[in-house]
N, C-alpha and C. Protein backbone atom coordinates (compact mmCIF):
# COMPACT_ATOMS: atom_id res chain seq x y z
N VAL A 1 0.73 -0.93 0.18
CA VAL A 1 0.07 -0.11 0.10
C VAL A 1 0.90 1.11 0.05
N GLN A 2 2.00 1.22 0.89
CA GLN A 2 2.88 2.73 0.61
C GLN A 2 3.51 2.73 -0.30
N GLN A 3 3.94 1.63 -1.10
CA GLN A 3 4.63 1.72 -2.31
C GLN A 3 3.88 2.30 -3.40
N LYS A 4 2.50 1.86 -3.55
CA LYS A 4 1.38 2.32 -4.38
C LYS A 4 1.14 3.95 -4.29
N THR A 5 0.97 4.32 -2.70
CA THR A 5 1.06 5.89 -2.54
C THR A 5 2.04 6.31 -3.13
N GLY A 6 3.28 5.88 -3.00
CA GLY A 6 4.61 7.01 -3.18
C GLY A 6 4.57 6.97 -4.97
N GLN A 7 4.34 5.69 -5.64
CA GLN A 7 4.14 6.02 -6.90
C GLN A 7 3.02 6.87 -7.41
N ARG A 8 1.91 6.96 -6.78
CA ARG A 8 0.78 7.78 -7.06
C ARG A 8 1.33 9.17 -6.94
N LEU A 9 1.89 9.65 -5.72
CA LEU A 9 2.54 11.02 -5.38
C LEU A 9 3.44 11.44 -6.55
N ALA A 10 4.47 10.27 -6.82
CA ALA A 10 5.55 10.64 -7.97
C ALA A 10 4.82 10.90 -9.14
N ALA A 11 3.84 10.08 -9.58
CA ALA A 11 3.38 10.13 -10.81
C ALA A 11 2.31 11.88 -10.79
N ALA A 12 1.82 12.20 -9.71
CA ALA A 12 1.22 13.19 -9.49
C ALA A 12 2.10 14.47 -9.85
N PHE A 13 3.20 14.41 -9.10
CA PHE A 13 4.69 15.37 -9.21
C PHE A 13 4.92 15.46 -10.58
N CYS A 14 4.95 14.06 -11.28
CA CYS A 14 5.67 14.66 -12.70
C CYS A 14 4.35 15.16 -13.59
N VAL A 15 3.13 14.61 -13.38
CA VAL A 15 2.36 15.28 -14.27
C VAL A 15 1.81 17.01 -13.90
N ILE A 16 2.07 17.13 -12.76
CA ILE A 16 1.75 18.50 -12.33
C ILE A 16 3.27 19.34 -13.23
N MET A 17 4.33 18.84 -12.86
CA MET A 17 5.62 19.55 -13.37
C MET A 17 5.28 19.47 -15.14
N GLY A 18 4.78 18.23 -15.59
CA GLY A 18 4.80 18.41 -17.09
C GLY A 18 4.08 19.75 -17.52
N ALA A 19 2.50 19.78 -16.66
CA ALA A 19 1.71 20.64 -17.15
C ALA A 19 2.23 22.12 -17.09
N MET A 20 2.88 22.39 -15.77
CA MET A 20 3.27 23.85 -15.78
C MET A 20 4.50 24.01 -17.01
N ILE A 21 5.14 23.09 -17.43
CA ILE A 21 6.02 22.95 -18.37
C ILE A 21 5.54 23.30 -19.52
N VAL A 22 4.40 22.57 -20.09
CA VAL A 22 3.62 22.93 -21.20
C VAL A 22 3.19 24.15 -21.11
N ALA A 23 2.52 24.88 -20.00
CA ALA A 23 1.73 26.02 -19.67
C ALA A 23 2.98 27.20 -19.93
N ALA A 24 4.43 26.82 -19.46
CA ALA A 24 5.47 27.91 -19.68
C ALA A 24 5.46 28.09 -21.18
N ALA A 25 5.44 26.67 -22.02
CA ALA A 25 5.96 26.84 -23.51
C ALA A 25 5.15 27.61 -24.10
N TYR A 26 3.75 27.99 -23.58
CA TYR A 26 2.60 28.84 -24.18
C TYR A 26 2.42 29.92 -23.61
N ASP A 27 3.45 30.66 -22.69
CA ASP A 27 3.50 31.77 -21.71
C ASP A 27 2.18 32.01 -20.97
N GLU A 28 1.65 30.64 -20.56
CA GLU A 28 0.77 30.60 -19.41
C GLU A 28 1.18 30.30 -18.08
N GLY A 29 0.57 30.61 -17.02
CA GLY A 29 0.69 30.41 -15.77
C GLY A 29 2.29 31.00 -15.04
N PRO A 30 2.60 30.20 -13.83
CA PRO A 30 3.58 30.78 -13.22
C PRO A 30 4.81 30.85 -13.79
N MET A 31 4.97 29.84 -14.63
CA MET A 31 6.47 29.50 -14.97
C MET A 31 6.81 30.30 -16.56
N ALA A 32 5.96 31.30 -16.93
CA ALA A 32 6.03 32.12 -18.15
C ALA A 32 7.63 32.41 -18.33
N VAL A 33 8.39 32.42 -19.35
CA VAL A 33 9.60 32.83 -19.42
C VAL A 33 9.75 33.40 -20.71
N ALA A 34 10.42 34.55 -20.68
CA ALA A 34 10.73 35.39 -21.62
C ALA A 34 12.13 35.15 -22.49
N GLY A 35 12.41 35.19 -23.65
CA GLY A 35 13.58 35.05 -24.20
C GLY A 35 13.89 33.55 -24.16
N LYS A 36 13.07 32.40 -24.63
CA LYS A 36 13.26 31.27 -24.86
C LYS A 36 14.12 30.84 -25.74
N ASN A 37 14.95 29.97 -25.84
CA ASN A 37 15.89 29.48 -26.79
C ASN A 37 15.59 28.54 -27.64
N ALA A 38 14.26 28.06 -27.73
CA ALA A 38 13.57 27.04 -28.34
C ALA A 38 12.36 27.46 -28.68
N PRO A 39 11.40 26.66 -30.08
CA PRO A 39 10.30 26.93 -30.22
C PRO A 39 9.42 26.42 -28.99
N ASP A 40 8.14 26.98 -29.25
CA ASP A 40 7.26 26.77 -27.95
C ASP A 40 6.88 25.13 -27.89
N TRP A 41 6.73 24.41 -29.37
CA TRP A 41 6.32 23.19 -29.16
C TRP A 41 7.72 22.45 -28.72
N VAL A 42 8.76 22.59 -28.92
CA VAL A 42 9.96 21.87 -28.21
C VAL A 42 9.81 22.07 -26.81
N ILE A 43 9.45 23.24 -26.22
CA ILE A 43 9.53 23.43 -24.86
C ILE A 43 8.29 22.37 -24.31
N ALA A 44 7.18 22.52 -25.05
CA ALA A 44 5.91 21.85 -24.88
C ALA A 44 6.32 20.07 -24.53
N LEU A 45 7.06 19.70 -25.84
CA LEU A 45 7.31 18.29 -25.57
C LEU A 45 8.13 18.02 -24.38
N GLY A 46 8.90 18.90 -23.70
CA GLY A 46 9.43 18.68 -22.58
C GLY A 46 8.44 18.28 -21.41
N GLY A 47 7.58 19.11 -21.59
CA GLY A 47 6.49 18.83 -20.66
C GLY A 47 5.59 17.51 -20.94
N TYR A 48 5.31 17.20 -22.10
CA TYR A 48 4.67 16.05 -22.19
C TYR A 48 5.52 14.83 -21.80
N ILE A 49 7.13 14.95 -21.76
CA ILE A 49 7.86 13.70 -21.35
C ILE A 49 7.71 13.72 -20.14
N PHE A 50 7.68 14.72 -19.23
CA PHE A 50 7.31 14.79 -17.57
C PHE A 50 5.81 14.10 -17.43
N ILE A 51 4.90 14.46 -18.13
CA ILE A 51 3.51 13.65 -18.01
C ILE A 51 3.61 12.51 -18.68
N GLY A 52 4.24 11.91 -19.50
CA GLY A 52 4.33 10.53 -19.61
C GLY A 52 4.96 9.71 -18.88
N PHE A 53 6.17 10.13 -18.16
CA PHE A 53 6.61 9.74 -16.96
C PHE A 53 6.02 9.38 -15.89
N GLY A 54 4.99 10.43 -15.70
CA GLY A 54 3.72 10.19 -14.49
C GLY A 54 3.00 8.99 -14.94
N LEU A 55 2.55 9.06 -16.11
CA LEU A 55 1.11 8.31 -16.27
C LEU A 55 2.15 6.60 -16.32
N LEU A 56 3.38 6.52 -16.68
CA LEU A 56 4.19 5.35 -16.68
C LEU A 56 3.96 4.75 -15.32
N LEU A 57 4.39 5.70 -14.28
CA LEU A 57 4.55 5.14 -13.21
C LEU A 57 3.07 4.69 -12.45
N LEU A 58 2.24 5.04 -12.96
CA LEU A 58 0.70 4.73 -12.53
C LEU A 58 0.54 2.85 -12.91
N ASN A 59 1.16 2.49 -13.70
CA ASN A 59 1.28 1.24 -14.41
C ASN A 59 -0.38 0.76 -14.62
N LEU A 60 -0.68 1.28 -15.78
CA LEU A 60 -2.17 1.24 -15.95
C LEU A 60 -2.38 0.23 -17.01
N GLY A 61 -1.45 -1.05 -16.95
CA GLY A 61 -1.76 -2.13 -17.89
C GLY A 61 -0.61 -2.14 -18.70
N GLN A 62 -0.48 -3.51 -19.13
CA GLN A 62 0.92 -3.46 -20.26
C GLN A 62 0.59 -2.94 -21.80
N LEU A 63 -0.48 -2.94 -22.01
CA LEU A 63 -0.58 -2.67 -23.36
C LEU A 63 -0.59 -0.75 -23.62
N PHE A 64 -1.38 -0.16 -22.45
CA PHE A 64 -1.10 1.33 -22.17
C PHE A 64 0.24 1.93 -21.66
N THR A 65 1.04 1.09 -21.31
CA THR A 65 2.37 1.45 -20.64
C THR A 65 3.06 1.33 -22.22
N HIS A 66 3.13 0.19 -22.93
CA HIS A 66 3.83 0.39 -24.06
C HIS A 66 3.37 1.72 -24.90
N PHE A 67 2.29 1.97 -24.90
CA PHE A 67 1.68 3.02 -25.95
C PHE A 67 2.40 4.44 -25.13
N ILE A 68 2.34 4.66 -24.10
CA ILE A 68 2.80 5.70 -23.42
C ILE A 68 4.40 5.92 -23.43
N ALA A 69 4.96 4.62 -23.21
CA ALA A 69 6.41 4.78 -23.34
C ALA A 69 6.81 4.96 -24.95
N GLY A 70 6.23 4.43 -25.62
CA GLY A 70 6.53 4.83 -27.23
C GLY A 70 6.31 6.21 -27.52
N ALA A 71 5.34 6.75 -27.02
CA ALA A 71 4.71 8.25 -27.26
C ALA A 71 5.88 9.17 -26.38
N THR A 72 6.34 8.60 -25.27
CA THR A 72 7.37 9.61 -24.56
C THR A 72 8.54 9.67 -25.09
N VAL A 73 8.99 8.24 -25.75
CA VAL A 73 10.29 8.20 -26.74
C VAL A 73 10.31 8.89 -27.81
N LEU A 74 9.09 9.10 -28.37
CA LEU A 74 8.79 10.03 -29.64
C LEU A 74 8.93 11.44 -29.36
N ALA A 75 8.53 11.91 -28.01
CA ALA A 75 8.63 13.32 -27.82
C ALA A 75 10.14 13.49 -27.36
N PHE A 76 10.93 12.56 -26.97
CA PHE A 76 12.49 12.89 -26.69
C PHE A 76 13.26 12.71 -28.00
N THR A 77 12.96 12.09 -29.26
CA THR A 77 13.16 12.09 -30.50
C THR A 77 12.88 13.29 -31.10
N ALA A 78 11.80 13.90 -31.01
CA ALA A 78 11.54 15.12 -31.69
C ALA A 78 12.72 16.15 -31.44
N VAL A 79 12.72 16.42 -29.84
CA VAL A 79 13.70 17.16 -29.43
C VAL A 79 14.92 16.98 -29.84
N PHE A 80 15.64 15.84 -29.59
CA PHE A 80 16.82 15.52 -30.32
C PHE A 80 17.00 15.87 -31.83
N ALA A 81 16.04 15.68 -32.61
CA ALA A 81 16.32 15.89 -34.03
C ALA A 81 16.25 17.46 -34.12
N TRP A 82 15.34 18.29 -33.39
CA TRP A 82 15.50 19.43 -33.60
C TRP A 82 16.74 20.22 -32.98
N VAL A 83 17.23 19.59 -31.72
CA VAL A 83 18.68 20.28 -31.19
C VAL A 83 19.53 19.87 -32.56
N ALA A 84 19.66 18.50 -33.05
CA ALA A 84 20.67 18.20 -33.92
C ALA A 84 20.57 19.26 -35.19
N LEU A 85 19.47 19.48 -36.15
CA LEU A 85 19.15 20.12 -36.96
C LEU A 85 19.21 21.48 -36.73
N PHE A 86 18.54 22.15 -36.01
CA PHE A 86 17.85 23.59 -35.66
C PHE A 86 18.75 24.19 -34.44
N GLY A 87 19.20 23.62 -33.64
CA GLY A 87 19.88 24.26 -32.14
C GLY A 87 20.88 25.22 -32.62
N GLU A 88 20.89 26.60 -32.01
CA GLU A 88 21.57 27.18 -32.43
C GLU A 88 23.44 27.07 -31.76
N ALA A 89 24.49 27.51 -32.42
CA ALA A 89 25.65 26.90 -32.23
C ALA A 89 26.10 27.59 -30.52
N GLU A 90 25.70 28.64 -30.33
CA GLU A 90 26.11 29.22 -28.96
C GLU A 90 25.31 28.62 -27.69
N HIS A 91 24.43 27.77 -28.40
CA HIS A 91 23.84 27.32 -26.93
C HIS A 91 24.35 25.62 -26.63
N PHE A 92 25.11 25.12 -27.30
CA PHE A 92 26.03 24.25 -27.06
C PHE A 92 26.99 24.19 -26.37
N SER A 93 27.30 23.33 -25.49
CA SER A 93 28.19 23.80 -24.65
C SER A 93 29.67 23.10 -25.09
N PRO A 94 30.79 23.68 -24.88
CA PRO A 94 32.14 23.19 -25.32
C PRO A 94 32.47 22.10 -25.21
N GLY A 95 33.11 21.21 -26.06
CA GLY A 95 33.88 19.96 -25.90
C GLY A 95 34.97 20.08 -25.64
N PRO A 96 35.70 19.20 -25.96
CA PRO A 96 37.51 18.96 -25.51
C PRO A 96 38.08 20.13 -26.03
N SER A 97 39.05 20.55 -25.56
CA SER A 97 39.72 22.18 -25.81
C SER A 97 40.62 21.65 -26.88
N TRP A 98 40.95 20.63 -27.03
CA TRP A 98 41.85 20.10 -28.52
C TRP A 98 41.12 20.11 -29.39
N LEU A 99 39.76 20.13 -29.64
CA LEU A 99 39.00 20.08 -30.81
C LEU A 99 38.62 21.72 -31.18
N SER A 100 38.56 22.05 -32.51
CA SER A 100 37.65 23.13 -32.89
C SER A 100 36.69 23.22 -32.42
N ASP A 101 36.06 24.56 -32.46
CA ASP A 101 34.69 24.76 -32.10
C ASP A 101 33.75 24.00 -33.14
N GLU A 102 34.22 24.16 -34.47
CA GLU A 102 33.38 23.61 -35.47
C GLU A 102 33.07 21.96 -35.39
N THR A 103 34.42 21.42 -35.01
CA THR A 103 34.56 20.07 -34.82
C THR A 103 33.43 19.67 -33.55
N ASN A 104 33.80 20.48 -32.18
CA ASN A 104 32.83 20.21 -31.10
C ASN A 104 31.04 20.45 -31.74
N LEU A 105 30.88 21.41 -32.59
CA LEU A 105 29.46 21.83 -32.73
C LEU A 105 29.00 20.55 -33.87
N LEU A 106 29.74 19.89 -34.73
CA LEU A 106 29.78 18.90 -35.69
C LEU A 106 29.34 17.60 -34.71
N THR A 107 30.15 17.22 -33.74
CA THR A 107 30.12 16.13 -32.94
C THR A 107 28.94 16.29 -32.36
N ALA A 108 28.45 17.38 -31.53
CA ALA A 108 27.50 17.46 -30.80
C ALA A 108 25.93 17.26 -31.91
N ARG A 109 26.00 17.53 -32.84
CA ARG A 109 24.83 17.62 -33.69
C ARG A 109 25.08 16.26 -34.26
N ILE A 110 25.90 15.29 -34.79
CA ILE A 110 25.70 13.80 -35.04
C ILE A 110 25.34 13.26 -33.59
N LEU A 111 25.62 13.30 -32.68
CA LEU A 111 25.40 12.64 -31.35
C LEU A 111 23.90 12.79 -31.17
N PHE A 112 23.40 14.19 -31.17
CA PHE A 112 22.10 14.19 -31.26
C PHE A 112 21.13 13.48 -32.27
N GLY A 113 21.59 13.60 -33.45
CA GLY A 113 21.27 13.06 -34.53
C GLY A 113 20.94 11.58 -34.56
N LEU A 114 21.89 11.05 -34.02
CA LEU A 114 22.00 9.54 -33.72
C LEU A 114 20.95 9.00 -32.73
N ALA A 115 20.87 9.91 -31.40
CA ALA A 115 19.92 9.59 -30.32
C ALA A 115 18.65 9.56 -30.94
N ALA A 116 18.41 10.59 -32.00
CA ALA A 116 16.93 11.00 -32.40
C ALA A 116 16.69 9.52 -33.79
N LEU A 117 17.74 8.92 -34.21
CA LEU A 117 17.48 7.93 -35.13
C LEU A 117 16.92 6.55 -34.08
N LEU A 118 17.70 6.66 -33.07
CA LEU A 118 17.86 5.97 -32.17
C LEU A 118 16.37 5.56 -31.54
N GLY A 119 16.07 6.94 -30.99
CA GLY A 119 14.58 7.08 -30.56
C GLY A 119 13.70 6.66 -31.41
N ALA A 120 13.61 7.11 -33.13
CA ALA A 120 12.67 6.51 -33.78
C ALA A 120 12.26 5.04 -33.85
N ALA A 121 13.67 4.43 -33.80
CA ALA A 121 13.60 2.73 -33.71
C ALA A 121 12.83 2.37 -32.52
N ILE A 122 13.16 2.92 -31.59
CA ILE A 122 12.54 2.30 -30.42
C ILE A 122 11.09 2.83 -30.34
N PHE A 123 10.87 3.98 -30.89
CA PHE A 123 9.38 4.19 -31.14
C PHE A 123 8.57 3.48 -32.25
N ILE A 124 9.31 3.20 -33.29
CA ILE A 124 8.56 2.08 -34.15
C ILE A 124 8.58 0.78 -33.61
N TYR A 125 9.07 0.24 -32.99
CA TYR A 125 9.35 -1.14 -31.94
C TYR A 125 8.28 -0.90 -30.81
N ALA A 126 7.66 0.23 -30.38
CA ALA A 126 6.70 0.13 -29.43
C ALA A 126 5.76 -0.12 -29.86
N MET A 127 5.48 0.78 -30.90
CA MET A 127 4.06 0.93 -31.71
C MET A 127 3.60 -0.27 -32.29
N ARG A 128 4.76 -0.95 -32.87
CA ARG A 128 4.38 -2.02 -33.65
C ARG A 128 3.97 -3.34 -32.59
N TYR A 129 4.48 -3.32 -31.37
CA TYR A 129 4.27 -4.01 -30.34
C TYR A 129 2.79 -3.68 -29.54
N PHE A 130 2.55 -2.51 -29.49
CA PHE A 130 1.00 -2.33 -29.32
C PHE A 130 0.23 -2.73 -30.06
N TRP A 131 0.23 -2.33 -31.15
CA TRP A 131 -0.77 -2.86 -32.25
C TRP A 131 -0.73 -4.36 -32.56
N GLN A 132 0.22 -4.79 -32.30
CA GLN A 132 0.30 -6.46 -32.54
C GLN A 132 -0.82 -6.89 -31.27
N GLN A 133 -0.26 -6.29 -29.60
CA GLN A 133 -1.03 -6.67 -29.01
C GLN A 133 -2.53 -6.35 -28.66
N ARG A 134 -2.89 -5.27 -29.42
CA ARG A 134 -3.97 -4.75 -29.38
C ARG A 134 -5.25 -5.72 -30.40
N ARG A 135 -4.35 -6.09 -31.27
CA ARG A 135 -5.01 -7.09 -32.29
C ARG A 135 -5.32 -8.47 -31.96
N ARG A 136 -4.54 -8.93 -30.74
CA ARG A 136 -4.75 -10.13 -30.30
C ARG A 136 -5.76 -9.79 -29.14
N SER A 137 -5.96 -9.12 -28.68
CA SER A 137 -7.22 -8.86 -27.38
C SER A 137 -8.42 -8.53 -27.83
């Protein structure tokens, strides 16, 4: 019983935090921020990721869990892809000092791009599993 209560509290925390981030993305609520470094939809996806984690903590059944996990991975994938393709160079942290700035930026874009490709593969697997299980039930 105590574990379920802890899971529910953690889930509620994640969902509330996610909702606040989504609201901030669209300049609503107490967390509205001026001078954002990403488009509203990218910031909102960060909130949806928190909401997805909150729903996963509720453990509402294997089929639902796979669907929400796939959707959450897709949100990560979209953020990684946006950073790889459109992230501004000045917002990347510097890499090793023995590499040029251009090489560090290219390395970061490649790594974010690879993470996006991996996320897309995981999303496809999760959705394939979801639809196969849904047809069986």
